[in-house]
């Protein structure tokens, strides 16, 4: 998976924010992505494309954004349009044609910096920071709540969850699994653990249950930290929370992990005073204590 230069990522988000201000959008219901595209001389047409989600055709007079007719989800279609609009506005020196596949439209997963940039723009346009960020801090982590945000902003659960991770005030990680293997993950900055892509799911995870033909429970459930995380600091006594939702259309499971306890402190034996001293020295500590809640 390719990463995008932070400056380029921030500029993509800023361009979307400027567009929101320019159009005086103050409510998610006002984000009519097709109308927004027309303000930038881009006409959206359904059909005329196969083998890809969407395609941008540039022209001096009128740009055309074609969207695959087979896309059934409204949120997925809206993201595809916003993604192509990102190509149009951010990458003006590129080829006349831009063809985007399903994997290119994931908000944070692509092998192309241009595709990542367009997806960052799309997420910022459909879920503007000033409207979305406060809501991410308004409830405890759960995919049910993220689903409510997805419905409110007219996006897919995956897109809403990816954007949620960027603003979440808790130690969380979004994981997508396919065929009983981790496909990709996106942690909050302070999550503190790495989940290797393409690794087989541990049978003790709820996500693995789905691929064994079992139904998934609703909401956050306790699970052994070592079922998801590999780290010498952890043992089988450490627990985290898992909320997994099946996505049968894609033969996948979307998982939200939440470290709601000081599992690191219990392993290292570090005291709260030691952590405060470390923070005052400007050195990073995985021991969060109440630092985030105090800053909020």
C-alpha atoms as a PDB file:
ATOM      1  CA  UNK A   1       0.000   0.000   0.000  1.00  0.00           C
ATOM      2  CA  UNK A   2       1.342   3.400  -1.005  1.00  0.00           C
ATOM      3  CA  UNK A   3       1.380   6.331   1.415  1.00  0.00           C
ATOM      4  CA  UNK A   4       0.788   9.908   0.373  1.00  0.00           C
ATOM      5  CA  UNK A   5       3.075  12.786   1.239  1.00  0.00           C
ATOM      6  CA  UNK A   6       1.451  14.561   4.236  1.00  0.00           C
ATOM      7  CA  UNK A   7       1.694  17.969   2.580  1.00  0.00           C
ATOM      8  CA  UNK A   8      -0.024  16.705  -0.548  1.00  0.00           C
ATOM      9  CA  UNK A   9      -2.712  15.046   1.571  1.00  0.00           C
ATOM     10  CA  UNK A  10      -3.353  18.244   3.513  1.00  0.00           C
ATOM     11  CA  UNK A  11      -3.568  20.281   0.297  1.00  0.00           C
ATOM     12  CA  UNK A  12      -6.155  17.848  -1.081  1.00  0.00           C
ATOM     13  CA  UNK A  13      -8.258  18.234   2.043  1.00  0.00           C
ATOM     14  CA  UNK A  14      -7.830  22.007   1.987  1.00  0.00           C
ATOM     15  CA  UNK A  15      -9.039  22.165  -1.647  1.00  0.00           C
ATOM     16  CA  UNK A  16     -12.214  20.335  -0.633  1.00  0.00           C
ATOM     17  CA  UNK A  17     -12.679  22.655   2.346  1.00  0.00           C
ATOM     18  CA  UNK A  18     -12.316  25.679   0.070  1.00  0.00           C
ATOM     19  CA  UNK A  19     -15.024  24.268  -2.169  1.00  0.00           C
ATOM     20  CA  UNK A  20     -17.340  23.777   0.813  1.00  0.00           C
ATOM     21  CA  UNK A  21     -16.794  27.417   1.824  1.00  0.00           C
ATOM     22  CA  UNK A  22     -17.158  28.650  -1.758  1.00  0.00           C
ATOM     23  CA  UNK A  23     -20.554  26.940  -2.096  1.00  0.00           C
ATOM     24  CA  UNK A  24     -21.642  27.971   1.426  1.00  0.00           C
ATOM     25  CA  UNK A  25     -22.461  24.414   2.460  1.00  0.00           C
ATOM     26  CA  UNK A  26     -23.533  24.244   6.108  1.00  0.00           C
ATOM     27  CA  UNK A  27     -25.398  20.944   6.268  1.00  0.00           C
ATOM     28  CA  UNK A  28     -24.682  17.433   4.897  1.00  0.00           C
ATOM     29  CA  UNK A  29     -27.983  17.522   2.994  1.00  0.00           C
ATOM     30  CA  UNK A  30     -26.610  20.388   0.904  1.00  0.00           C
ATOM     31  CA  UNK A  31     -23.752  18.283  -0.487  1.00  0.00           C
ATOM     32  CA  UNK A  32     -25.173  17.518  -3.944  1.00  0.00           C
ATOM     33  CA  UNK A  33     -22.064  16.068  -5.533  1.00  0.00           C
ATOM     34  CA  UNK A  34     -23.417  16.153  -9.098  1.00  0.00           C
ATOM     35  CA  UNK A  35     -24.387  19.812  -8.760  1.00  0.00           C
ATOM     36  CA  UNK A  36     -20.961  20.537  -7.275  1.00  0.00           C
ATOM     37  CA  UNK A  37     -19.323  18.830 -10.255  1.00  0.00           C
ATOM     38  CA  UNK A  38     -21.306  21.028 -12.631  1.00  0.00           C
ATOM     39  CA  UNK A  39     -19.955  24.160 -10.935  1.00  0.00           C
ATOM     40  CA  UNK A  40     -16.539  22.909 -12.100  1.00  0.00           C
ATOM     41  CA  UNK A  41     -17.706  22.182 -15.656  1.00  0.00           C
ATOM     42  CA  UNK A  42     -18.047  18.448 -15.130  1.00  0.00           C
ATOM     43  CA  UNK A  43     -21.162  16.545 -16.228  1.00  0.00           C
ATOM     44  CA  UNK A  44     -21.977  13.243 -14.519  1.00  0.00           C
ATOM     45  CA  UNK A  45     -23.302  10.469 -16.767  1.00  0.00           C
ATOM     46  CA  UNK A  46     -24.309   6.972 -15.673  1.00  0.00           C
ATOM     47  CA  UNK A  47     -23.180   4.187 -17.996  1.00  0.00           C
ATOM     48  CA  UNK A  48     -20.855   3.946 -20.960  1.00  0.00           C
ATOM     49  CA  UNK A  49     -18.146   2.321 -18.840  1.00  0.00           C
ATOM     50  CA  UNK A  50     -17.263  -1.275 -17.935  1.00  0.00           C
ATOM     51  CA  UNK A  51     -14.472  -2.829 -15.934  1.00  0.00           C
ATOM     52  CA  UNK A  52     -14.094   0.199 -13.673  1.00  0.00           C
ATOM     53  CA  UNK A  53     -16.083   2.219 -11.157  1.00  0.00           C
ATOM     54  CA  UNK A  54     -15.763   5.615 -12.812  1.00  0.00           C
ATOM     55  CA  UNK A  55     -13.884   7.498 -15.498  1.00  0.00           C
ATOM     56  CA  UNK A  56     -12.973  11.142 -15.981  1.00  0.00           C
ATOM     57  CA  UNK A  57     -12.677  12.528 -19.517  1.00  0.00           C
ATOM     58  CA  UNK A  58     -11.197  16.003 -19.663  1.00  0.00           C
ATOM     59  CA  UNK A  59     -12.222  18.559 -22.262  1.00  0.00           C
ATOM     60  CA  UNK A  60     -11.664  22.319 -22.627  1.00  0.00           C
ATOM     61  CA  UNK A  61     -15.423  22.861 -22.851  1.00  0.00           C
ATOM     62  CA  UNK A  62     -17.058  20.214 -20.683  1.00  0.00           C
ATOM     63  CA  UNK A  63     -15.511  17.453 -18.613  1.00  0.00           C
ATOM     64  CA  UNK A  64     -17.357  14.144 -18.379  1.00  0.00           C
ATOM     65  CA  UNK A  65     -17.509  11.889 -15.322  1.00  0.00           C
ATOM     66  CA  UNK A  66     -18.912   8.481 -16.221  1.00  0.00           C
ATOM     67  CA  UNK A  67     -20.087   6.186 -13.452  1.00  0.00           C
ATOM     68  CA  UNK A  68     -20.584   2.446 -13.787  1.00  0.00           C
ATOM     69  CA  UNK A  69     -24.293   1.571 -13.870  1.00  0.00           C
ATOM     70  CA  UNK A  70     -23.717  -1.527 -11.779  1.00  0.00           C
ATOM     71  CA  UNK A  71     -22.971   0.546  -8.666  1.00  0.00           C
ATOM     72  CA  UNK A  72     -26.037   0.025  -6.487  1.00  0.00           C
ATOM     73  CA  UNK A  73     -25.073   1.865  -3.317  1.00  0.00           C
ATOM     74  CA  UNK A  74     -25.820   5.576  -3.389  1.00  0.00           C
ATOM     75  CA  UNK A  75     -22.885   6.290  -1.062  1.00  0.00           C
ATOM     76  CA  UNK A  76     -20.473   4.384  -3.283  1.00  0.00           C
ATOM     77  CA  UNK A  77     -21.698   6.252  -6.359  1.00  0.00           C
ATOM     78  CA  UNK A  78     -21.368   9.621  -4.627  1.00  0.00           C
ATOM     79  CA  UNK A  79     -17.830   8.790  -3.547  1.00  0.00           C
ATOM     80  CA  UNK A  80     -16.915   7.736  -7.094  1.00  0.00           C
ATOM     81  CA  UNK A  81     -18.106  11.088  -8.447  1.00  0.00           C
ATOM     82  CA  UNK A  82     -16.301  13.064  -5.752  1.00  0.00           C
ATOM     83  CA  UNK A  83     -13.163  10.997  -6.382  1.00  0.00           C
ATOM     84  CA  UNK A  84     -13.182  11.852 -10.103  1.00  0.00           C
ATOM     85  CA  UNK A  85     -13.795  15.493  -9.240  1.00  0.00           C
ATOM     86  CA  UNK A  86     -10.660  15.266  -7.113  1.00  0.00           C
ATOM     87  CA  UNK A  87      -8.693  14.080 -10.147  1.00  0.00           C
ATOM     88  CA  UNK A  88     -10.081  16.989 -12.153  1.00  0.00           C
ATOM     89  CA  UNK A  89      -9.260  19.718  -9.649  1.00  0.00           C
ATOM     90  CA  UNK A  90      -6.004  18.414  -8.187  1.00  0.00           C
ATOM     91  CA  UNK A  91      -4.231  16.756 -11.097  1.00  0.00           C
ATOM     92  CA  UNK A  92      -4.790  19.084 -14.009  1.00  0.00           C
ATOM     93  CA  UNK A  93      -1.552  18.130 -15.751  1.00  0.00           C
ATOM     94  CA  UNK A  94      -2.454  14.441 -15.917  1.00  0.00           C
ATOM     95  CA  UNK A  95      -3.697  12.386 -18.848  1.00  0.00           C
ATOM     96  CA  UNK A  96      -6.941  13.321 -20.561  1.00  0.00           C
ATOM     97  CA  UNK A  97      -8.502  10.126 -19.221  1.00  0.00           C
ATOM     98  CA  UNK A  98      -8.554   8.816 -15.643  1.00  0.00           C
ATOM     99  CA  UNK A  99      -9.963   5.321 -15.084  1.00  0.00           C
ATOM    100  CA  UNK A 100     -10.614   4.251 -11.491  1.00  0.00           C
ATOM    101  CA  UNK A 101     -11.214   0.725 -10.234  1.00  0.00           C
ATOM    102  CA  UNK A 102     -12.989  -0.344  -7.058  1.00  0.00           C
ATOM    103  CA  UNK A 103      -9.758  -0.534  -5.016  1.00  0.00           C
ATOM    104  CA  UNK A 104      -8.836   3.009  -6.081  1.00  0.00           C
ATOM    105  CA  UNK A 105     -11.949   4.413  -4.406  1.00  0.00           C
ATOM    106  CA  UNK A 106     -11.118   3.207  -0.924  1.00  0.00           C
ATOM    107  CA  UNK A 107     -10.479   6.259   1.249  1.00  0.00           C
ATOM    108  CA  UNK A 108      -7.027   5.161   2.389  1.00  0.00           C
ATOM    109  CA  UNK A 109      -6.040   2.053   0.437  1.00  0.00           C
ATOM    110  CA  UNK A 110      -4.414   2.297  -2.985  1.00  0.00           C
ATOM    111  CA  UNK A 111      -1.115   1.693  -4.718  1.00  0.00           C
ATOM    112  CA  UNK A 112      -1.245   5.058  -6.480  1.00  0.00           C
ATOM    113  CA  UNK A 113      -0.525   8.449  -4.856  1.00  0.00           C
ATOM    114  CA  UNK A 114      -2.872  10.109  -7.368  1.00  0.00           C
ATOM    115  CA  UNK A 115      -5.707   7.782  -6.360  1.00  0.00           C
ATOM    116  CA  UNK A 116      -5.049   8.340  -2.664  1.00  0.00           C
ATOM    117  CA  UNK A 117      -5.067  12.084  -3.192  1.00  0.00           C
ATOM    118  CA  UNK A 118      -8.382  11.937  -5.059  1.00  0.00           C
ATOM    119  CA  UNK A 119      -9.918   9.787  -2.310  1.00  0.00           C
ATOM    120  CA  UNK A 120      -8.744  12.158   0.426  1.00  0.00           C
ATOM    121  CA  UNK A 121     -10.374  15.000  -1.495  1.00  0.00           C
ATOM    122  CA  UNK A 122     -13.594  12.987  -1.908  1.00  0.00           C
ATOM    123  CA  UNK A 123     -13.783  12.133   1.798  1.00  0.00           C
ATOM    124  CA  UNK A 124     -13.197  15.770   2.785  1.00  0.00           C
ATOM    125  CA  UNK A 125     -15.843  16.961   0.325  1.00  0.00           C
ATOM    126  CA  UNK A 126     -18.548  14.483   1.344  1.00  0.00           C
ATOM    127  CA  UNK A 127     -17.714  14.588   5.060  1.00  0.00           C
ATOM    128  CA  UNK A 128     -16.446  18.134   5.693  1.00  0.00           C
ATOM    129  CA  UNK A 129     -14.219  18.429   8.741  1.00  0.00           C
ATOM    130  CA  UNK A 130     -16.231  21.245  10.314  1.00  0.00           C
ATOM    131  CA  UNK A 131     -19.409  19.129  10.158  1.00  0.00           C
ATOM    132  CA  UNK A 132     -17.986  15.650  10.681  1.00  0.00           C
ATOM    133  CA  UNK A 133     -15.271  15.985  13.315  1.00  0.00           C
ATOM    134  CA  UNK A 134     -17.526  17.182  16.198  1.00  0.00           C
ATOM    135  CA  UNK A 135     -19.829  14.200  15.638  1.00  0.00           C
ATOM    136  CA  UNK A 136     -16.893  11.775  15.859  1.00  0.00           C
ATOM    137  CA  UNK A 137     -16.307  12.984  19.417  1.00  0.00           C
ATOM    138  CA  UNK A 138     -19.937  12.777  20.471  1.00  0.00           C
ATOM    139  CA  UNK A 139     -20.250   9.066  21.252  1.00  0.00           C
ATOM    140  CA  UNK A 140     -18.253   5.996  22.255  1.00  0.00           C
ATOM    141  CA  UNK A 141     -16.697   4.050  19.355  1.00  0.00           C
ATOM    142  CA  UNK A 142     -19.049   1.639  17.587  1.00  0.00           C
ATOM    143  CA  UNK A 143     -19.834   0.711  14.005  1.00  0.00           C
ATOM    144  CA  UNK A 144     -23.505   1.288  14.738  1.00  0.00           C
ATOM    145  CA  UNK A 145     -22.745   4.943  15.442  1.00  0.00           C
ATOM    146  CA  UNK A 146     -20.450   5.145  12.404  1.00  0.00           C
ATOM    147  CA  UNK A 147     -23.329   3.707  10.374  1.00  0.00           C
ATOM    148  CA  UNK A 148     -25.529   6.551  11.569  1.00  0.00           C
ATOM    149  CA  UNK A 149     -22.880   9.011  10.375  1.00  0.00           C
ATOM    150  CA  UNK A 150     -22.720   7.213   7.028  1.00  0.00           C
ATOM    151  CA  UNK A 151     -26.476   7.592   6.551  1.00  0.00           C
ATOM    152  CA  UNK A 152     -26.393  11.230   7.609  1.00  0.00           C
ATOM    153  CA  UNK A 153     -23.635  12.141   5.133  1.00  0.00           C
ATOM    154  CA  UNK A 154     -24.720   9.842   2.319  1.00  0.00           C
ATOM    155  CA  UNK A 155     -21.562   7.712   2.184  1.00  0.00           C
ATOM    156  CA  UNK A 156     -20.681   4.046   2.624  1.00  0.00           C
ATOM    157  CA  UNK A 157     -19.901   2.535   6.004  1.00  0.00           C
ATOM    158  CA  UNK A 158     -16.282   2.002   4.908  1.00  0.00           C
ATOM    159  CA  UNK A 159     -15.855   5.643   3.878  1.00  0.00           C
ATOM    160  CA  UNK A 160     -17.508   6.908   7.064  1.00  0.00           C
ATOM    161  CA  UNK A 161     -15.368   4.609   9.244  1.00  0.00           C
ATOM    162  CA  UNK A 162     -12.149   5.668   7.530  1.00  0.00           C
ATOM    163  CA  UNK A 163     -12.957   9.342   8.069  1.00  0.00           C
ATOM    164  CA  UNK A 164     -14.043   8.583  11.638  1.00  0.00           C
ATOM    165  CA  UNK A 165     -10.618   7.131  12.449  1.00  0.00           C
ATOM    166  CA  UNK A 166      -9.024  10.438  11.485  1.00  0.00           C
ATOM    167  CA  UNK A 167     -10.993  12.308  14.169  1.00  0.00           C
ATOM    168  CA  UNK A 168     -11.682   9.632  16.788  1.00  0.00           C
ATOM    169  CA  UNK A 169     -10.575  10.715  20.298  1.00  0.00           C
ATOM    170  CA  UNK A 170     -10.036   7.098  21.372  1.00  0.00           C
ATOM    171  CA  UNK A 171      -7.367   4.497  20.607  1.00  0.00           C
ATOM    172  CA  UNK A 172      -9.038   2.684  17.731  1.00  0.00           C
ATOM    173  CA  UNK A 173      -8.158   0.816  14.572  1.00  0.00           C
ATOM    174  CA  UNK A 174     -10.260   0.068  11.501  1.00  0.00           C
ATOM    175  CA  UNK A 175      -9.602  -3.343   9.932  1.00  0.00           C
ATOM    176  CA  UNK A 176     -11.012  -4.797   6.717  1.00  0.00           C
ATOM    177  CA  UNK A 177     -10.800  -8.560   6.255  1.00  0.00           C
ATOM    178  CA  UNK A 178     -11.499 -10.708   3.207  1.00  0.00           C
ATOM    179  CA  UNK A 179     -11.337 -14.506   2.911  1.00  0.00           C
ATOM    180  CA  UNK A 180     -10.377 -14.752   6.593  1.00  0.00           C
ATOM    181  CA  UNK A 181      -7.301 -12.561   6.096  1.00  0.00           C
ATOM    182  CA  UNK A 182      -6.558  -8.949   7.004  1.00  0.00           C
ATOM    183  CA  UNK A 183      -6.760  -6.871   3.850  1.00  0.00           C
ATOM    184  CA  UNK A 184      -5.781  -3.517   5.323  1.00  0.00           C
ATOM    185  CA  UNK A 185      -6.027  -1.530   8.523  1.00  0.00           C
ATOM    186  CA  UNK A 186      -6.036   2.092   9.572  1.00  0.00           C
ATOM    187  CA  UNK A 187      -5.240   3.033  13.183  1.00  0.00           C
ATOM    188  CA  UNK A 188      -5.623   6.287  15.054  1.00  0.00           C
ATOM    189  CA  UNK A 189      -2.272   8.024  15.558  1.00  0.00           C
ATOM    190  CA  UNK A 190      -2.007   6.800  19.139  1.00  0.00           C
ATOM    191  CA  UNK A 191      -3.256   3.222  18.650  1.00  0.00           C
ATOM    192  CA  UNK A 192       0.256   1.940  19.252  1.00  0.00           C
ATOM    193  CA  UNK A 193       0.122  -1.458  17.544  1.00  0.00           C
ATOM    194  CA  UNK A 194       0.658  -2.776  14.042  1.00  0.00           C
ATOM    195  CA  UNK A 195      -1.610  -5.320  12.340  1.00  0.00           C
ATOM    196  CA  UNK A 196       0.126  -7.077   9.476  1.00  0.00           C
ATOM    197  CA  UNK A 197      -1.822  -7.149   6.195  1.00  0.00           C
ATOM    198  CA  UNK A 198      -2.579 -10.525   4.626  1.00  0.00           C
ATOM    199  CA  UNK A 199      -2.210 -12.318   7.939  1.00  0.00           C
ATOM    200  CA  UNK A 200      -4.726 -15.036   8.769  1.00  0.00           C
ATOM    201  CA  UNK A 201      -7.364 -14.005  11.285  1.00  0.00           C
ATOM    202  CA  UNK A 202      -6.960 -15.535  14.716  1.00  0.00           C
ATOM    203  CA  UNK A 203      -9.873 -17.937  15.436  1.00  0.00           C
ATOM    204  CA  UNK A 204     -10.474 -16.108  18.742  1.00  0.00           C
ATOM    205  CA  UNK A 205     -11.592 -12.946  16.872  1.00  0.00           C
ATOM    206  CA  UNK A 206     -15.248 -12.321  16.143  1.00  0.00           C
ATOM    207  CA  UNK A 207     -14.363 -11.402  12.553  1.00  0.00           C
ATOM    208  CA  UNK A 208     -13.032 -14.931  12.005  1.00  0.00           C
ATOM    209  CA  UNK A 209     -16.377 -16.336  13.170  1.00  0.00           C
ATOM    210  CA  UNK A 210     -18.082 -14.850  10.124  1.00  0.00           C
ATOM    211  CA  UNK A 211     -15.769 -16.662   7.724  1.00  0.00           C
ATOM    212  CA  UNK A 212     -16.570 -19.896   9.581  1.00  0.00           C
ATOM    213  CA  UNK A 213     -20.258 -19.406   8.781  1.00  0.00           C
ATOM    214  CA  UNK A 214     -21.314 -17.912  12.110  1.00  0.00           C
ATOM    215  CA  UNK A 215     -23.314 -14.739  12.690  1.00  0.00           C
ATOM    216  CA  UNK A 216     -21.682 -11.698  14.257  1.00  0.00           C
ATOM    217  CA  UNK A 217     -22.846 -10.165  17.544  1.00  0.00           C
ATOM    218  CA  UNK A 218     -23.978  -6.568  17.581  1.00  0.00           C
ATOM    219  CA  UNK A 219     -21.792  -3.914  19.180  1.00  0.00           C
ATOM    220  CA  UNK A 220     -18.460  -3.897  20.993  1.00  0.00           C
ATOM    221  CA  UNK A 221     -17.378  -7.163  22.617  1.00  0.00           C
ATOM    222  CA  UNK A 222     -14.331  -8.004  24.681  1.00  0.00           C
ATOM    223  CA  UNK A 223     -11.634 -10.026  22.958  1.00  0.00           C
ATOM    224  CA  UNK A 224      -8.087 -11.008  23.871  1.00  0.00           C
ATOM    225  CA  UNK A 225      -5.697  -8.310  22.706  1.00  0.00           C
ATOM    226  CA  UNK A 226      -3.301 -10.974  21.422  1.00  0.00           C
ATOM    227  CA  UNK A 227      -6.002 -12.277  19.083  1.00  0.00           C
ATOM    228  CA  UNK A 228      -5.476  -9.119  17.029  1.00  0.00           C
ATOM    229  CA  UNK A 229      -2.190  -7.613  18.189  1.00  0.00           C
ATOM    230  CA  UNK A 230       1.292  -9.084  18.264  1.00  0.00           C
ATOM    231  CA  UNK A 231       3.526  -7.417  20.814  1.00  0.00           C
ATOM    232  CA  UNK A 232       5.833  -8.572  23.607  1.00  0.00           C
ATOM    233  CA  UNK A 233       4.078  -6.121  25.944  1.00  0.00           C
ATOM    234  CA  UNK A 234       0.878  -8.148  25.814  1.00  0.00           C
ATOM    235  CA  UNK A 235      -0.289 -11.406  27.318  1.00  0.00           C
ATOM    236  CA  UNK A 236      -3.588 -13.313  27.323  1.00  0.00           C
ATOM    237  CA  UNK A 237      -4.885 -11.281  30.258  1.00  0.00           C
ATOM    238  CA  UNK A 238      -4.985  -8.073  28.218  1.00  0.00           C
ATOM    239  CA  UNK A 239      -8.382  -7.333  26.690  1.00  0.00           C
ATOM    240  CA  UNK A 240      -9.548  -4.920  24.010  1.00  0.00           C
ATOM    241  CA  UNK A 241     -12.921  -4.405  22.339  1.00  0.00           C
ATOM    242  CA  UNK A 242     -13.995  -5.557  18.889  1.00  0.00           C
ATOM    243  CA  UNK A 243     -17.014  -4.502  16.842  1.00  0.00           C
ATOM    244  CA  UNK A 244     -17.298  -6.423  13.561  1.00  0.00           C
ATOM    245  CA  UNK A 245     -19.901  -6.057  10.821  1.00  0.00           C
ATOM    246  CA  UNK A 246     -20.347  -8.439   7.901  1.00  0.00           C
ATOM    247  CA  UNK A 247     -20.308  -7.042   4.358  1.00  0.00           C
ATOM    248  CA  UNK A 248     -21.648 -10.015   2.354  1.00  0.00           C
ATOM    249  CA  UNK A 249     -21.650  -8.173  -0.984  1.00  0.00           C
ATOM    250  CA  UNK A 250     -17.863  -7.929  -0.757  1.00  0.00           C
ATOM    251  CA  UNK A 251     -17.294 -11.211   1.134  1.00  0.00           C
ATOM    252  CA  UNK A 252     -15.661  -9.063   3.792  1.00  0.00           C
ATOM    253  CA  UNK A 253     -15.850  -7.995   7.408  1.00  0.00           C
ATOM    254  CA  UNK A 254     -15.283  -4.467   8.671  1.00  0.00           C
ATOM    255  CA  UNK A 255     -13.924  -4.308  12.217  1.00  0.00           C
ATOM    256  CA  UNK A 256     -13.466  -1.465  14.674  1.00  0.00           C
ATOM    257  CA  UNK A 257     -10.988  -2.233  17.466  1.00  0.00           C
ATOM    258  CA  UNK A 258     -10.917  -0.105  20.619  1.00  0.00           C
ATOM    259  CA  UNK A 259      -8.230  -0.141  23.307  1.00  0.00           C
ATOM    260  CA  UNK A 260     -10.335   1.086  26.199  1.00  0.00           C
ATOM    261  CA  UNK A 261      -7.927   0.044  28.974  1.00  0.00           C
ATOM    262  CA  UNK A 262      -4.307   0.855  29.845  1.00  0.00           C
ATOM    263  CA  UNK A 263      -3.020  -2.477  28.594  1.00  0.00           C
ATOM    264  CA  UNK A 264       0.463  -1.029  27.954  1.00  0.00           C
ATOM    265  CA  UNK A 265       0.886   0.273  31.493  1.00  0.00           C
ATOM    266  CA  UNK A 266      -0.015  -3.096  33.000  1.00  0.00           C
ATOM    267  CA  UNK A 267       2.668  -4.792  30.931  1.00  0.00           C
ATOM    268  CA  UNK A 268       5.467  -2.272  31.384  1.00  0.00           C
ATOM    269  CA  UNK A 269       4.736  -1.515  35.014  1.00  0.00           C
ATOM    270  CA  UNK A 270       5.252   2.166  34.318  1.00  0.00           C
ATOM    271  CA  UNK A 271       3.652   4.473  36.830  1.00  0.00           C
ATOM    272  CA  UNK A 272       1.437   7.412  35.951  1.00  0.00           C
ATOM    273  CA  UNK A 273       4.082   9.781  37.376  1.00  0.00           C
ATOM    274  CA  UNK A 274       6.666   8.255  35.036  1.00  0.00           C
ATOM    275  CA  UNK A 275       4.312   8.751  32.103  1.00  0.00           C
ATOM    276  CA  UNK A 276       3.700  12.384  32.992  1.00  0.00           C
ATOM    277  CA  UNK A 277       7.452  12.977  33.239  1.00  0.00           C
ATOM    278  CA  UNK A 278       7.977  11.314  29.859  1.00  0.00           C
ATOM    279  CA  UNK A 279       5.294  13.487  28.276  1.00  0.00           C
ATOM    280  CA  UNK A 280       6.846  16.621  29.766  1.00  0.00           C
ATOM    281  CA  UNK A 281      10.145  15.634  28.158  1.00  0.00           C
ATOM    282  CA  UNK A 282       8.412  15.609  24.805  1.00  0.00           C
ATOM    283  CA  UNK A 283       8.992  11.861  24.296  1.00  0.00           C
ATOM    284  CA  UNK A 284       6.180   9.639  23.032  1.00  0.00           C
ATOM    285  CA  UNK A 285       4.477   7.214  25.377  1.00  0.00           C
ATOM    286  CA  UNK A 286       1.768   4.709  24.521  1.00  0.00           C
ATOM    287  CA  UNK A 287       0.430   5.291  28.033  1.00  0.00           C
ATOM    288  CA  UNK A 288      -2.334   7.775  27.363  1.00  0.00           C
ATOM    289  CA  UNK A 289      -3.991   7.993  30.802  1.00  0.00           C
ATOM    290  CA  UNK A 290      -6.214  11.070  30.760  1.00  0.00           C
ATOM    291  CA  UNK A 291      -4.075  13.175  28.447  1.00  0.00           C
ATOM    292  CA  UNK A 292      -6.492  13.104  25.515  1.00  0.00           C
ATOM    293  CA  UNK A 293      -9.577  13.752  27.672  1.00  0.00           C
ATOM    294  CA  UNK A 294      -7.864  16.697  29.375  1.00  0.00           C
ATOM    295  CA  UNK A 295      -6.928  18.264  26.029  1.00  0.00           C
ATOM    296  CA  UNK A 296     -10.467  17.838  24.729  1.00  0.00           C
END
